[in-house]
Amino acid sequence: MQDLGVLQAGDFTSSALGVNNSGQVVGYSFSTFPKAFVWDSQGGMQDLNNLIPLNSWALEMATAINNKGQILCIGRNSFFPDHALLLTPTTSSTR
């Protein structure tokens, strides 16, 4: 068992909700609102909101990750509250 910590100072809890065969972990970190994260042994904990186009979605919770690295998230924007999203990794950043 390993304590993954939290995303940023001020967050008081985090929860891991999924893991794949590569050891990548997904979940959420929480302060006043939840933020979805992905963790691996090389990069540590990363806020998934920083890995998607700016101002597109607020990713609140990552619930599962498969062996291809695809992540199932719950997110919201001004049109869709609590919407399911599938994130598929690319070789370059879209931001």
PDB file of N, CA and C in Angstrom:
ATOM      1  N   MET A   1       0.840  -1.167   0.000  1.00  0.00           N
ATOM      2  CA  MET A   1       0.000   0.000   0.000  1.00  0.00           C
ATOM      3  C   MET A   1       0.886   1.230   0.000  1.00  0.00           C
ATOM      4  N   GLN A   2       0.441   2.277  -0.711  1.00  0.00           N
ATOM      5  CA  GLN A   2       1.218   3.508  -0.824  1.00  0.00           C
ATOM      6  C   GLN A   2       0.298   4.707  -0.706  1.00  0.00           C
ATOM      7  N   ASP A   3       0.695   5.679   0.106  1.00  0.00           N
ATOM      8  CA  ASP A   3      -0.038   6.933   0.209  1.00  0.00           C
ATOM      9  C   ASP A   3       0.341   7.796  -0.990  1.00  0.00           C
ATOM     10  N   LEU A   4      -0.638   8.161  -1.827  1.00  0.00           N
ATOM     11  CA  LEU A   4      -0.374   8.961  -3.014  1.00  0.00           C
ATOM     12  C   LEU A   4      -0.372  10.454  -2.727  1.00  0.00           C
ATOM     13  N   GLY A   5      -0.861  10.865  -1.585  1.00  0.00           N
ATOM     14  CA  GLY A   5      -0.923  12.281  -1.244  1.00  0.00           C
ATOM     15  C   GLY A   5      -2.146  12.954  -1.836  1.00  0.00           C
ATOM     16  N   VAL A   6      -2.047  14.267  -2.031  1.00  0.00           N
ATOM     17  CA  VAL A   6      -3.116  15.076  -2.622  1.00  0.00           C
ATOM     18  C   VAL A   6      -2.523  15.899  -3.760  1.00  0.00           C
ATOM     19  N   LEU A   7      -3.388  16.471  -4.594  1.00  0.00           N
ATOM     20  CA  LEU A   7      -2.922  17.227  -5.754  1.00  0.00           C
ATOM     21  C   LEU A   7      -2.192  18.513  -5.388  1.00  0.00           C
ATOM     22  N   GLN A   8      -2.731  19.277  -4.463  1.00  0.00           N
ATOM     23  CA  GLN A   8      -2.156  20.587  -4.164  1.00  0.00           C
ATOM     24  C   GLN A   8      -2.373  20.944  -2.711  1.00  0.00           C
ATOM     25  N   ALA A   9      -1.579  21.891  -2.234  1.00  0.00           N
ATOM     26  CA  ALA A   9      -1.755  22.387  -0.875  1.00  0.00           C
ATOM     27  C   ALA A   9      -3.175  22.898  -0.710  1.00  0.00           C
ATOM     28  N   GLY A  10      -3.785  22.604   0.395  1.00  0.00           N
ATOM     29  CA  GLY A  10      -5.166  22.998   0.638  1.00  0.00           C
ATOM     30  C   GLY A  10      -6.148  21.860   0.432  1.00  0.00           C
ATOM     31  N   ASP A  11      -5.779  20.881  -0.394  1.00  0.00           N
ATOM     32  CA  ASP A  11      -6.615  19.688  -0.518  1.00  0.00           C
ATOM     33  C   ASP A  11      -6.470  18.882   0.776  1.00  0.00           C
ATOM     34  N   PHE A  12      -7.566  18.350   1.266  1.00  0.00           N
ATOM     35  CA  PHE A  12      -7.491  17.641   2.534  1.00  0.00           C
ATOM     36  C   PHE A  12      -7.697  16.137   2.421  1.00  0.00           C
ATOM     37  N   THR A  13      -8.073  15.663   1.247  1.00  0.00           N
ATOM     38  CA  THR A  13      -8.240  14.225   1.079  1.00  0.00           C
ATOM     39  C   THR A  13      -8.125  13.871  -0.399  1.00  0.00           C
ATOM     40  N   SER A  14      -7.814  12.620  -0.655  1.00  0.00           N
ATOM     41  CA  SER A  14      -7.864  12.096  -2.021  1.00  0.00           C
ATOM     42  C   SER A  14      -8.337  10.659  -1.938  1.00  0.00           C
ATOM     43  N   SER A  15      -8.832  10.168  -3.065  1.00  0.00           N
ATOM     44  CA  SER A  15      -9.325   8.798  -3.116  1.00  0.00           C
ATOM     45  C   SER A  15      -8.954   8.188  -4.459  1.00  0.00           C
ATOM     46  N   ALA A  16      -8.393   7.000  -4.420  1.00  0.00           N
ATOM     47  CA  ALA A  16      -8.076   6.249  -5.636  1.00  0.00           C
ATOM     48  C   ALA A  16      -9.277   5.385  -5.994  1.00  0.00           C
ATOM     49  N   LEU A  17      -9.685   5.419  -7.263  1.00  0.00           N
ATOM     50  CA  LEU A  17     -10.877   4.689  -7.685  1.00  0.00           C
ATOM     51  C   LEU A  17     -10.601   3.631  -8.740  1.00  0.00           C
ATOM     52  N   GLY A  18      -9.432   3.695  -9.389  1.00  0.00           N
ATOM     53  CA  GLY A  18      -9.126   2.720 -10.435  1.00  0.00           C
ATOM     54  C   GLY A  18      -7.639   2.554 -10.616  1.00  0.00           C
ATOM     55  N   VAL A  19      -7.225   1.383 -11.082  1.00  0.00           N
ATOM     56  CA  VAL A  19      -5.820   1.096 -11.358  1.00  0.00           C
ATOM     57  C   VAL A  19      -5.752   0.142 -12.545  1.00  0.00           C
ATOM     58  N   ASN A  20      -4.716   0.276 -13.366  1.00  0.00           N
ATOM     59  CA  ASN A  20      -4.554  -0.640 -14.489  1.00  0.00           C
ATOM     60  C   ASN A  20      -3.323  -1.524 -14.282  1.00  0.00           C
ATOM     61  N   ASN A  21      -3.045  -2.398 -15.232  1.00  0.00           N
ATOM     62  CA  ASN A  21      -1.932  -3.341 -15.097  1.00  0.00           C
ATOM     63  C   ASN A  21      -0.569  -2.660 -15.112  1.00  0.00           C
ATOM     64  N   SER A  22      -0.480  -1.426 -15.603  1.00  0.00           N
ATOM     65  CA  SER A  22       0.782  -0.675 -15.608  1.00  0.00           C
ATOM     66  C   SER A  22       1.026   0.052 -14.292  1.00  0.00           C
ATOM     67  N   GLY A  23       0.066  -0.013 -13.381  1.00  0.00           N
ATOM     68  CA  GLY A  23       0.203   0.663 -12.096  1.00  0.00           C
ATOM     69  C   GLY A  23      -0.252   2.105 -12.107  1.00  0.00           C
ATOM     70  N   GLN A  24      -0.891   2.552 -13.198  1.00  0.00           N
ATOM     71  CA  GLN A  24      -1.460   3.896 -13.222  1.00  0.00           C
ATOM     72  C   GLN A  24      -2.717   3.903 -12.362  1.00  0.00           C
ATOM     73  N   VAL A  25      -2.871   4.946 -11.569  1.00  0.00           N
ATOM     74  CA  VAL A  25      -3.991   5.061 -10.639  1.00  0.00           C
ATOM     75  C   VAL A  25      -4.780   6.318 -10.977  1.00  0.00           C
ATOM     76  N   VAL A  26      -6.103   6.251 -10.897  1.00  0.00           N
ATOM     77  CA  VAL A  26      -6.966   7.417 -11.097  1.00  0.00           C
ATOM     78  C   VAL A  26      -7.890   7.585  -9.903  1.00  0.00           C
ATOM     79  N   GLY A  27      -8.362   8.809  -9.734  1.00  0.00           N
ATOM     80  CA  GLY A  27      -9.286   9.103  -8.637  1.00  0.00           C
ATOM     81  C   GLY A  27      -9.571  10.580  -8.576  1.00  0.00           C
ATOM     82  N   TYR A  28      -9.705  11.103  -7.331  1.00  0.00           N
ATOM     83  CA  TYR A  28      -9.958  12.530  -7.157  1.00  0.00           C
ATOM     84  C   TYR A  28      -9.286  13.030  -5.888  1.00  0.00           C
ATOM     85  N   SER A  29      -8.961  14.317  -5.904  1.00  0.00           N
ATOM     86  CA  SER A  29      -8.432  15.024  -4.754  1.00  0.00           C
ATOM     87  C   SER A  29      -9.441  16.117  -4.433  1.00  0.00           C
ATOM     88  N   PHE A  30      -9.594  16.447  -3.144  1.00  0.00           N
ATOM     89  CA  PHE A  30     -10.718  17.299  -2.756  1.00  0.00           C
ATOM     90  C   PHE A  30     -10.294  18.400  -1.795  1.00  0.00           C
ATOM     91  N   SER A  31     -10.766  19.616  -2.094  1.00  0.00           N
ATOM     92  CA  SER A  31     -10.718  20.737  -1.154  1.00  0.00           C
ATOM     93  C   SER A  31     -12.130  21.297  -1.101  1.00  0.00           C
ATOM     94  N   THR A  32     -12.402  22.387  -1.813  1.00  0.00           N
ATOM     95  CA  THR A  32     -13.771  22.899  -1.883  1.00  0.00           C
ATOM     96  C   THR A  32     -14.549  22.234  -3.009  1.00  0.00           C
ATOM     97  N   PHE A  33     -13.847  21.658  -3.975  1.00  0.00           N
ATOM     98  CA  PHE A  33     -14.485  20.887  -5.040  1.00  0.00           C
ATOM     99  C   PHE A  33     -13.505  19.797  -5.476  1.00  0.00           C
ATOM    100  N   PRO A  34     -14.019  18.688  -6.018  1.00  0.00           N
ATOM    101  CA  PRO A  34     -13.126  17.586  -6.415  1.00  0.00           C
ATOM    102  C   PRO A  34     -12.425  17.868  -7.745  1.00  0.00           C
ATOM    103  N   LYS A  35     -11.216  17.315  -7.879  1.00  0.00           N
ATOM    104  CA  LYS A  35     -10.432  17.419  -9.108  1.00  0.00           C
ATOM    105  C   LYS A  35      -9.918  16.024  -9.455  1.00  0.00           C
ATOM    106  N   ALA A  36     -10.141  15.602 -10.697  1.00  0.00           N
ATOM    107  CA  ALA A  36      -9.717  14.277 -11.148  1.00  0.00           C
ATOM    108  C   ALA A  36      -8.201  14.236 -11.307  1.00  0.00           C
ATOM    109  N   PHE A  37      -7.603  13.091 -10.955  1.00  0.00           N
ATOM    110  CA  PHE A  37      -6.168  12.937 -11.121  1.00  0.00           C
ATOM    111  C   PHE A  37      -5.820  11.594 -11.746  1.00  0.00           C
ATOM    112  N   VAL A  38      -4.604  11.544 -12.300  1.00  0.00           N
ATOM    113  CA  VAL A  38      -3.959  10.303 -12.712  1.00  0.00           C
ATOM    114  C   VAL A  38      -2.603  10.285 -12.020  1.00  0.00           C
ATOM    115  N   TRP A  39      -2.178   9.123 -11.540  1.00  0.00           N
ATOM    116  CA  TRP A  39      -0.899   8.969 -10.858  1.00  0.00           C
ATOM    117  C   TRP A  39      -0.134   7.831 -11.502  1.00  0.00           C
ATOM    118  N   ASP A  40       1.176   8.019 -11.666  1.00  0.00           N
ATOM    119  CA  ASP A  40       2.061   6.902 -12.008  1.00  0.00           C
ATOM    120  C   ASP A  40       3.388   7.119 -11.299  1.00  0.00           C
ATOM    121  N   SER A  41       4.212   6.084 -11.270  1.00  0.00           N
ATOM    122  CA  SER A  41       5.443   6.148 -10.487  1.00  0.00           C
ATOM    123  C   SER A  41       6.460   7.136 -11.051  1.00  0.00           C
ATOM    124  N   GLN A  42       6.398   7.450 -12.339  1.00  0.00           N
ATOM    125  CA  GLN A  42       7.330   8.414 -12.923  1.00  0.00           C
ATOM    126  C   GLN A  42       6.879   9.861 -12.738  1.00  0.00           C
ATOM    127  N   GLY A  43       5.604  10.128 -13.007  1.00  0.00           N
ATOM    128  CA  GLY A  43       5.107  11.505 -12.991  1.00  0.00           C
ATOM    129  C   GLY A  43       4.428  11.930 -11.714  1.00  0.00           C
ATOM    130  N   GLY A  44       4.159  10.992 -10.829  1.00  0.00           N
ATOM    131  CA  GLY A  44       3.420  11.320  -9.615  1.00  0.00           C
ATOM    132  C   GLY A  44       1.968  11.647  -9.942  1.00  0.00           C
ATOM    133  N   MET A  45       1.336  12.424  -9.074  1.00  0.00           N
ATOM    134  CA  MET A  45      -0.068  12.784  -9.236  1.00  0.00           C
ATOM    135  C   MET A  45      -0.192  14.010 -10.140  1.00  0.00           C
ATOM    136  N   GLN A  46      -1.027  13.895 -11.181  1.00  0.00           N
ATOM    137  CA  GLN A  46      -1.260  14.996 -12.107  1.00  0.00           C
ATOM    138  C   GLN A  46      -2.749  15.303 -12.179  1.00  0.00           C
ATOM    139  N   ASP A  47      -3.070  16.579 -12.163  1.00  0.00           N
ATOM    140  CA  ASP A  47      -4.450  17.032 -12.314  1.00  0.00           C
ATOM    141  C   ASP A  47      -4.851  16.822 -13.777  1.00  0.00           C
ATOM    142  N   LEU A  48      -5.863  16.021 -14.021  1.00  0.00           N
ATOM    143  CA  LEU A  48      -6.299  15.766 -15.391  1.00  0.00           C
ATOM    144  C   LEU A  48      -6.803  17.023 -16.081  1.00  0.00           C
ATOM    145  N   ASN A  49      -7.257  18.008 -15.312  1.00  0.00           N
ATOM    146  CA  ASN A  49      -7.706  19.271 -15.904  1.00  0.00           C
ATOM    147  C   ASN A  49      -6.567  20.012 -16.602  1.00  0.00           C
ATOM    148  N   ASN A  50      -5.334  19.744 -16.201  1.00  0.00           N
ATOM    149  CA  ASN A  50      -4.177  20.371 -16.840  1.00  0.00           C
ATOM    150  C   ASN A  50      -3.735  19.626 -18.093  1.00  0.00           C
ATOM    151  N   LEU A  51      -4.360  18.502 -18.395  1.00  0.00           N
ATOM    152  CA  LEU A  51      -3.977  17.685 -19.541  1.00  0.00           C
ATOM    153  C   LEU A  51      -5.007  17.715 -20.666  1.00  0.00           C
ATOM    154  N   ILE A  52      -6.047  18.530 -20.506  1.00  0.00           N
ATOM    155  CA  ILE A  52      -7.087  18.671 -21.530  1.00  0.00           C
ATOM    156  C   ILE A  52      -7.121  20.130 -21.987  1.00  0.00           C
ATOM    157  N   PRO A  53      -7.801  20.422 -23.105  1.00  0.00           N
ATOM    158  CA  PRO A  53      -7.874  21.824 -23.561  1.00  0.00           C
ATOM    159  C   PRO A  53      -8.448  22.746 -22.480  1.00  0.00           C
ATOM    160  N   LEU A  54      -7.833  23.899 -22.336  1.00  0.00           N
ATOM    161  CA  LEU A  54      -8.218  24.894 -21.348  1.00  0.00           C
ATOM    162  C   LEU A  54      -9.682  25.295 -21.512  1.00  0.00           C
ATOM    163  N   ASN A  55     -10.411  25.406 -20.411  1.00  0.00           N
ATOM    164  CA  ASN A  55     -11.812  25.851 -20.369  1.00  0.00           C
ATOM    165  C   ASN A  55     -12.776  24.949 -21.136  1.00  0.00           C
ATOM    166  N   SER A  56     -12.454  23.673 -21.294  1.00  0.00           N
ATOM    167  CA  SER A  56     -13.364  22.767 -21.990  1.00  0.00           C
ATOM    168  C   SER A  56     -14.285  22.043 -21.002  1.00  0.00           C
ATOM    169  N   TRP A  57     -13.719  21.432 -19.996  1.00  0.00           N
ATOM    170  CA  TRP A  57     -14.466  20.692 -18.980  1.00  0.00           C
ATOM    171  C   TRP A  57     -13.803  20.903 -17.631  1.00  0.00           C
ATOM    172  N   ALA A  58     -14.569  20.743 -16.573  1.00  0.00           N
ATOM    173  CA  ALA A  58     -14.024  20.649 -15.218  1.00  0.00           C
ATOM    174  C   ALA A  58     -14.133  19.180 -14.839  1.00  0.00           C
ATOM    175  N   LEU A  59     -13.016  18.485 -14.841  1.00  0.00           N
ATOM    176  CA  LEU A  59     -13.005  17.053 -14.531  1.00  0.00           C
ATOM    177  C   LEU A  59     -12.964  16.885 -13.019  1.00  0.00           C
ATOM    178  N   GLU A  60     -14.022  16.290 -12.483  1.00  0.00           N
ATOM    179  CA  GLU A  60     -14.176  16.191 -11.037  1.00  0.00           C
ATOM    180  C   GLU A  60     -13.700  14.859 -10.476  1.00  0.00           C
ATOM    181  N   MET A  61     -13.868  13.796 -11.233  1.00  0.00           N
ATOM    182  CA  MET A  61     -13.573  12.472 -10.703  1.00  0.00           C
ATOM    183  C   MET A  61     -13.172  11.543 -11.837  1.00  0.00           C
ATOM    184  N   ALA A  62     -12.062  10.840 -11.669  1.00  0.00           N
ATOM    185  CA  ALA A  62     -11.667   9.793 -12.609  1.00  0.00           C
ATOM    186  C   ALA A  62     -12.002   8.465 -11.940  1.00  0.00           C
ATOM    187  N   THR A  63     -12.836   7.678 -12.589  1.00  0.00           N
ATOM    188  CA  THR A  63     -13.371   6.484 -11.921  1.00  0.00           C
ATOM    189  C   THR A  63     -12.740   5.174 -12.365  1.00  0.00           C
ATOM    190  N   ALA A  64     -12.106   5.155 -13.549  1.00  0.00           N
ATOM    191  CA  ALA A  64     -11.518   3.911 -14.053  1.00  0.00           C
ATOM    192  C   ALA A  64     -10.460   4.230 -15.092  1.00  0.00           C
ATOM    193  N   ILE A  65      -9.491   3.312 -15.232  1.00  0.00           N
ATOM    194  CA  ILE A  65      -8.470   3.419 -16.273  1.00  0.00           C
ATOM    195  C   ILE A  65      -8.215   2.022 -16.817  1.00  0.00           C
ATOM    196  N   ASN A  66      -8.181   1.899 -18.155  1.00  0.00           N
ATOM    197  CA  ASN A  66      -7.935   0.582 -18.736  1.00  0.00           C
ATOM    198  C   ASN A  66      -6.455   0.440 -19.099  1.00  0.00           C
ATOM    199  N   ASN A  67      -6.096  -0.710 -19.641  1.00  0.00           N
ATOM    200  CA  ASN A  67      -4.694  -0.975 -19.948  1.00  0.00           C
ATOM    201  C   ASN A  67      -4.173  -0.211 -21.158  1.00  0.00           C
ATOM    202  N   LYS A  68      -5.047   0.470 -21.901  1.00  0.00           N
ATOM    203  CA  LYS A  68      -4.630   1.379 -22.978  1.00  0.00           C
ATOM    204  C   LYS A  68      -4.388   2.788 -22.448  1.00  0.00           C
ATOM    205  N   GLY A  69      -4.697   3.021 -21.174  1.00  0.00           N
ATOM    206  CA  GLY A  69      -4.544   4.341 -20.572  1.00  0.00           C
ATOM    207  C   GLY A  69      -5.757   5.233 -20.728  1.00  0.00           C
ATOM    208  N   GLN A  70      -6.850   4.697 -21.285  1.00  0.00           N
ATOM    209  CA  GLN A  70      -8.088   5.477 -21.405  1.00  0.00           C
ATOM    210  C   GLN A  70      -8.717   5.628 -20.029  1.00  0.00           C
ATOM    211  N   ILE A  71      -9.184   6.833 -19.738  1.00  0.00           N
ATOM    212  CA  ILE A  71      -9.700   7.157 -18.408  1.00  0.00           C
ATOM    213  C   ILE A  71     -11.161   7.565 -18.502  1.00  0.00           C
ATOM    214  N   LEU A  72     -11.986   6.949 -17.672  1.00  0.00           N
ATOM    215  CA  LEU A  72     -13.388   7.323 -17.547  1.00  0.00           C
ATOM    216  C   LEU A  72     -13.500   8.376 -16.459  1.00  0.00           C
ATOM    217  N   CYS A  73     -14.084   9.522 -16.812  1.00  0.00           N
ATOM    218  CA  CYS A  73     -14.202  10.651 -15.882  1.00  0.00           C
ATOM    219  C   CYS A  73     -15.644  11.118 -15.764  1.00  0.00           C
ATOM    220  N   ILE A  74     -15.894  11.801 -14.672  1.00  0.00           N
ATOM    221  CA  ILE A  74     -17.117  12.569 -14.489  1.00  0.00           C
ATOM    222  C   ILE A  74     -16.692  14.029 -14.534  1.00  0.00           C
ATOM    223  N   GLY A  75     -17.332  14.810 -15.402  1.00  0.00           N
ATOM    224  CA  GLY A  75     -16.976  16.212 -15.539  1.00  0.00           C
ATOM    225  C   GLY A  75     -18.203  17.065 -15.772  1.00  0.00           C
ATOM    226  N   ARG A  76     -17.971  18.361 -15.799  1.00  0.00           N
ATOM    227  CA  ARG A  76     -19.076  19.295 -16.039  1.00  0.00           C
ATOM    228  C   ARG A  76     -18.555  20.486 -16.826  1.00  0.00           C
ATOM    229  N   ASN A  77     -19.470  21.130 -17.511  1.00  0.00           N
ATOM    230  CA  ASN A  77     -19.206  22.438 -18.111  1.00  0.00           C
ATOM    231  C   ASN A  77     -20.495  23.230 -18.016  1.00  0.00           C
ATOM    232  N   SER A  78     -20.572  24.362 -18.656  1.00  0.00           N
ATOM    233  CA  SER A  78     -21.764  25.207 -18.507  1.00  0.00           C
ATOM    234  C   SER A  78     -23.013  24.593 -19.126  1.00  0.00           C
ATOM    235  N   PHE A  79     -22.856  23.582 -19.988  1.00  0.00           N
ATOM    236  CA  PHE A  79     -24.001  22.943 -20.633  1.00  0.00           C
ATOM    237  C   PHE A  79     -24.364  21.595 -20.021  1.00  0.00           C
ATOM    238  N   PHE A  80     -23.391  20.874 -19.510  1.00  0.00           N
ATOM    239  CA  PHE A  80     -23.603  19.499 -19.032  1.00  0.00           C
ATOM    240  C   PHE A  80     -23.081  19.304 -17.616  1.00  0.00           C
ATOM    241  N   PRO A  81     -23.961  19.312 -16.628  1.00  0.00           N
ATOM    242  CA  PRO A  81     -23.511  18.962 -15.282  1.00  0.00           C
ATOM    243  C   PRO A  81     -23.397  17.443 -15.154  1.00  0.00           C
ATOM    244  N   ASP A  82     -22.391  16.979 -14.439  1.00  0.00           N
ATOM    245  CA  ASP A  82     -22.201  15.553 -14.168  1.00  0.00           C
ATOM    246  C   ASP A  82     -22.337  14.695 -15.421  1.00  0.00           C
ATOM    247  N   HIS A  83     -21.403  14.858 -16.320  1.00  0.00           N
ATOM    248  CA  HIS A  83     -21.396  14.166 -17.603  1.00  0.00           C
ATOM    249  C   HIS A  83     -20.258  13.149 -17.628  1.00  0.00           C
ATOM    250  N   ALA A  84     -20.498  11.957 -18.190  1.00  0.00           N
ATOM    251  CA  ALA A  84     -19.450  10.946 -18.330  1.00  0.00           C
ATOM    252  C   ALA A  84     -18.583  11.273 -19.544  1.00  0.00           C
ATOM    253  N   LEU A  85     -17.265  11.158 -19.377  1.00  0.00           N
ATOM    254  CA  LEU A  85     -16.312  11.475 -20.440  1.00  0.00           C
ATOM    255  C   LEU A  85     -15.258  10.377 -20.517  1.00  0.00           C
ATOM    256  N   LEU A  86     -14.830  10.043 -21.718  1.00  0.00           N
ATOM    257  CA  LEU A  86     -13.748   9.094 -21.925  1.00  0.00           C
ATOM    258  C   LEU A  86     -12.536   9.856 -22.457  1.00  0.00           C
ATOM    259  N   LEU A  87     -11.452   9.846 -21.691  1.00  0.00           N
ATOM    260  CA  LEU A  87     -10.218  10.498 -22.110  1.00  0.00           C
ATOM    261  C   LEU A  87      -9.299   9.450 -22.732  1.00  0.00           C
ATOM    262  N   THR A  88      -8.807   9.743 -23.924  1.00  0.00           N
ATOM    263  CA  THR A  88      -7.886   8.850 -24.615  1.00  0.00           C
ATOM    264  C   THR A  88      -6.542   9.555 -24.750  1.00  0.00           C
ATOM    265  N   PRO A  89      -5.467   8.947 -24.242  1.00  0.00           N
ATOM    266  CA  PRO A  89      -4.162   9.612 -24.313  1.00  0.00           C
ATOM    267  C   PRO A  89      -3.670   9.763 -25.744  1.00  0.00           C
ATOM    268  N   THR A  90      -2.930  10.844 -25.967  1.00  0.00           N
ATOM    269  CA  THR A  90      -2.290  11.089 -27.262  1.00  0.00           C
ATOM    270  C   THR A  90      -0.786  11.185 -27.023  1.00  0.00           C
ATOM    271  N   THR A  91      -0.020  11.246 -28.087  1.00  0.00           N
ATOM    272  CA  THR A  91       1.422  11.332 -27.959  1.00  0.00           C
ATOM    273  C   THR A  91       1.894  12.745 -27.692  1.00  0.00           C
ATOM    274  N   SER A  92       1.033  13.749 -27.953  1.00  0.00           N
ATOM    275  CA  SER A  92       1.422  15.137 -27.681  1.00  0.00           C
ATOM    276  C   SER A  92       0.303  15.825 -26.937  1.00  0.00           C
ATOM    277  N   SER A  93       0.652  16.857 -26.228  1.00  0.00           N
ATOM    278  CA  SER A  93      -0.330  17.618 -25.454  1.00  0.00           C
ATOM    279  C   SER A  93      -1.232  18.415 -26.396  1.00  0.00           C
ATOM    280  N   THR A  94      -2.528  18.503 -26.059  1.00  0.00           N
ATOM    281  CA  THR A  94      -3.469  19.284 -26.863  1.00  0.00           C
ATOM    282  C   THR A  94      -3.630  20.692 -26.303  1.00  0.00           C
ATOM    283  N   ARG A  95      -2.988  20.980 -25.220  1.00  0.00           N
ATOM    284  CA  ARG A  95      -3.139  22.265 -24.582  1.00  0.00           C
ATOM    285  C   ARG A  95      -2.216  23.208 -25.173  1.00  0.00           C
TER     286      ARG A  95
END
